[in-house]
Amino acid sequence: MTKCTISITLVGCLALSGCQSAATSQGGRSSEFGCIAGTVGGAVVGGLVGATIGSGTGQLWAVGGGATLGAAGGNALTCN
């Protein structure tokens, strides 16, 4: 992946996160969407960051680890 592609993807994810409404205290559908969006968004960003590291099998491990850590971080930030 080129740096331009990664930059465009990260800016797109940031723009989409701005569209997310604040979680409600009622625990309704919007908070469930926020939790899922945070987890998936974190996995995507983590995978992209991992793709910039290493080469060959090491890069594959970096993408998997980045996606896993990104999903955990996104989940922790957006889910109650």
C-alpha atoms as a PDB file:
ATOM      1  CA  MET A   1       0.000   0.000   0.000  1.00  0.00           C
ATOM      2  CA  THR A   2       1.180   3.450  -0.736  1.00  0.00           C
ATOM      3  CA  LYS A   3       1.274   6.209   1.819  1.00  0.00           C
ATOM      4  CA  CYS A   4      -1.331   8.101  -0.203  1.00  0.00           C
ATOM      5  CA  THR A   5      -3.796   5.198   0.001  1.00  0.00           C
ATOM      6  CA  ILE A   6      -3.273   4.819   3.730  1.00  0.00           C
ATOM      7  CA  SER A   7      -3.678   8.558   4.280  1.00  0.00           C
ATOM      8  CA  ILE A   8      -6.911   8.683   2.272  1.00  0.00           C
ATOM      9  CA  THR A   9      -8.301   5.687   4.165  1.00  0.00           C
ATOM     10  CA  LEU A  10      -7.445   7.162   7.554  1.00  0.00           C
ATOM     11  CA  VAL A  11      -9.001  10.515   6.635  1.00  0.00           C
ATOM     12  CA  GLY A  12     -12.122   8.689   5.416  1.00  0.00           C
ATOM     13  CA  CYS A  13     -12.398   6.763   8.688  1.00  0.00           C
ATOM     14  CA  LEU A  14     -11.971   9.979  10.634  1.00  0.00           C
ATOM     15  CA  ALA A  15     -14.683  11.678   8.573  1.00  0.00           C
ATOM     16  CA  LEU A  16     -17.060   8.755   9.145  1.00  0.00           C
ATOM     17  CA  SER A  17     -16.419   8.783  12.871  1.00  0.00           C
ATOM     18  CA  GLY A  18     -17.540  12.420  12.917  1.00  0.00           C
ATOM     19  CA  CYS A  19     -20.958  11.288  11.645  1.00  0.00           C
ATOM     20  CA  GLN A  20     -21.479   9.027  14.635  1.00  0.00           C
ATOM     21  CA  SER A  21     -23.900  10.406  17.186  1.00  0.00           C
ATOM     22  CA  ALA A  22     -23.169  10.308  20.884  1.00  0.00           C
ATOM     23  CA  ALA A  23     -24.195   7.157  22.719  1.00  0.00           C
ATOM     24  CA  THR A  24     -27.481   7.423  24.553  1.00  0.00           C
ATOM     25  CA  SER A  25     -27.937   6.348  28.147  1.00  0.00           C
ATOM     26  CA  GLN A  26     -30.999   4.305  27.151  1.00  0.00           C
ATOM     27  CA  GLY A  27     -28.812   1.609  25.614  1.00  0.00           C
ATOM     28  CA  GLY A  28     -30.809   1.672  22.411  1.00  0.00           C
ATOM     29  CA  ARG A  29     -29.924   0.900  18.857  1.00  0.00           C
ATOM     30  CA  SER A  30     -27.630   3.909  18.398  1.00  0.00           C
ATOM     31  CA  SER A  31     -25.283   2.818  21.188  1.00  0.00           C
ATOM     32  CA  GLU A  32     -25.121  -0.679  19.672  1.00  0.00           C
ATOM     33  CA  PHE A  33     -24.213   0.849  16.307  1.00  0.00           C
ATOM     34  CA  GLY A  34     -21.557   3.002  17.959  1.00  0.00           C
ATOM     35  CA  CYS A  35     -20.018  -0.037  19.610  1.00  0.00           C
ATOM     36  CA  ILE A  36     -19.907  -2.003  16.366  1.00  0.00           C
ATOM     37  CA  ALA A  37     -18.612   0.977  14.376  1.00  0.00           C
ATOM     38  CA  GLY A  38     -15.850   1.621  16.908  1.00  0.00           C
ATOM     39  CA  THR A  39     -14.754  -2.001  16.926  1.00  0.00           C
ATOM     40  CA  VAL A  40     -14.747  -2.375  13.140  1.00  0.00           C
ATOM     41  CA  GLY A  41     -13.155   1.045  12.612  1.00  0.00           C
ATOM     42  CA  GLY A  42     -10.406   0.214  15.083  1.00  0.00           C
ATOM     43  CA  ALA A  43      -9.749  -3.097  13.325  1.00  0.00           C
ATOM     44  CA  VAL A  44      -9.503  -1.388   9.928  1.00  0.00           C
ATOM     45  CA  VAL A  45      -7.150   1.316  11.155  1.00  0.00           C
ATOM     46  CA  GLY A  46      -5.046  -1.213  13.073  1.00  0.00           C
ATOM     47  CA  GLY A  47      -4.805  -3.459  10.017  1.00  0.00           C
ATOM     48  CA  LEU A  48      -3.733  -0.539   7.836  1.00  0.00           C
ATOM     49  CA  VAL A  49      -1.070   0.486  10.303  1.00  0.00           C
ATOM     50  CA  GLY A  50       0.123  -3.113  10.527  1.00  0.00           C
ATOM     51  CA  ALA A  51       0.321  -3.304   6.723  1.00  0.00           C
ATOM     52  CA  THR A  52       3.009  -0.630   6.741  1.00  0.00           C
ATOM     53  CA  ILE A  53       5.287  -2.723   8.959  1.00  0.00           C
ATOM     54  CA  GLY A  54       7.588  -5.509   7.806  1.00  0.00           C
ATOM     55  CA  SER A  55       7.436  -7.701   4.715  1.00  0.00           C
ATOM     56  CA  GLY A  56       6.411 -11.244   3.854  1.00  0.00           C
ATOM     57  CA  THR A  57       5.196 -13.372   6.747  1.00  0.00           C
ATOM     58  CA  GLY A  58       6.160 -10.709   9.265  1.00  0.00           C
ATOM     59  CA  GLN A  59       3.831  -8.244   7.544  1.00  0.00           C
ATOM     60  CA  LEU A  60       0.990 -10.775   7.724  1.00  0.00           C
ATOM     61  CA  TRP A  61       1.513 -11.108  11.475  1.00  0.00           C
ATOM     62  CA  ALA A  62       1.696  -7.324  11.828  1.00  0.00           C
ATOM     63  CA  VAL A  63      -1.632  -6.876   9.988  1.00  0.00           C
ATOM     64  CA  GLY A  64      -3.305  -9.518  12.169  1.00  0.00           C
ATOM     65  CA  GLY A  65      -1.887  -8.077  15.361  1.00  0.00           C
ATOM     66  CA  GLY A  66      -2.747  -4.523  14.348  1.00  0.00           C
ATOM     67  CA  ALA A  67      -6.317  -5.475  13.488  1.00  0.00           C
ATOM     68  CA  THR A  68      -6.729  -7.327  16.766  1.00  0.00           C
ATOM     69  CA  LEU A  69      -5.313  -4.533  18.893  1.00  0.00           C
ATOM     70  CA  GLY A  70      -7.232  -1.914  16.912  1.00  0.00           C
ATOM     71  CA  ALA A  71     -10.515  -3.779  17.400  1.00  0.00           C
ATOM     72  CA  ALA A  72      -9.846  -4.117  21.129  1.00  0.00           C
ATOM     73  CA  GLY A  73      -8.989  -0.424  21.408  1.00  0.00           C
ATOM     74  CA  GLY A  74     -12.023   0.670  19.398  1.00  0.00           C
ATOM     75  CA  ASN A  75     -14.253  -1.573  21.474  1.00  0.00           C
ATOM     76  CA  ALA A  76     -12.853  -0.195  24.719  1.00  0.00           C
ATOM     77  CA  LEU A  77     -13.386   3.385  23.585  1.00  0.00           C
ATOM     78  CA  THR A  78     -16.939   3.051  22.259  1.00  0.00           C
ATOM     79  CA  CYS A  79     -18.612   0.253  24.242  1.00  0.00           C
ATOM     80  CA  ASN A  80     -19.755   0.620  27.833  1.00  0.00           C
END
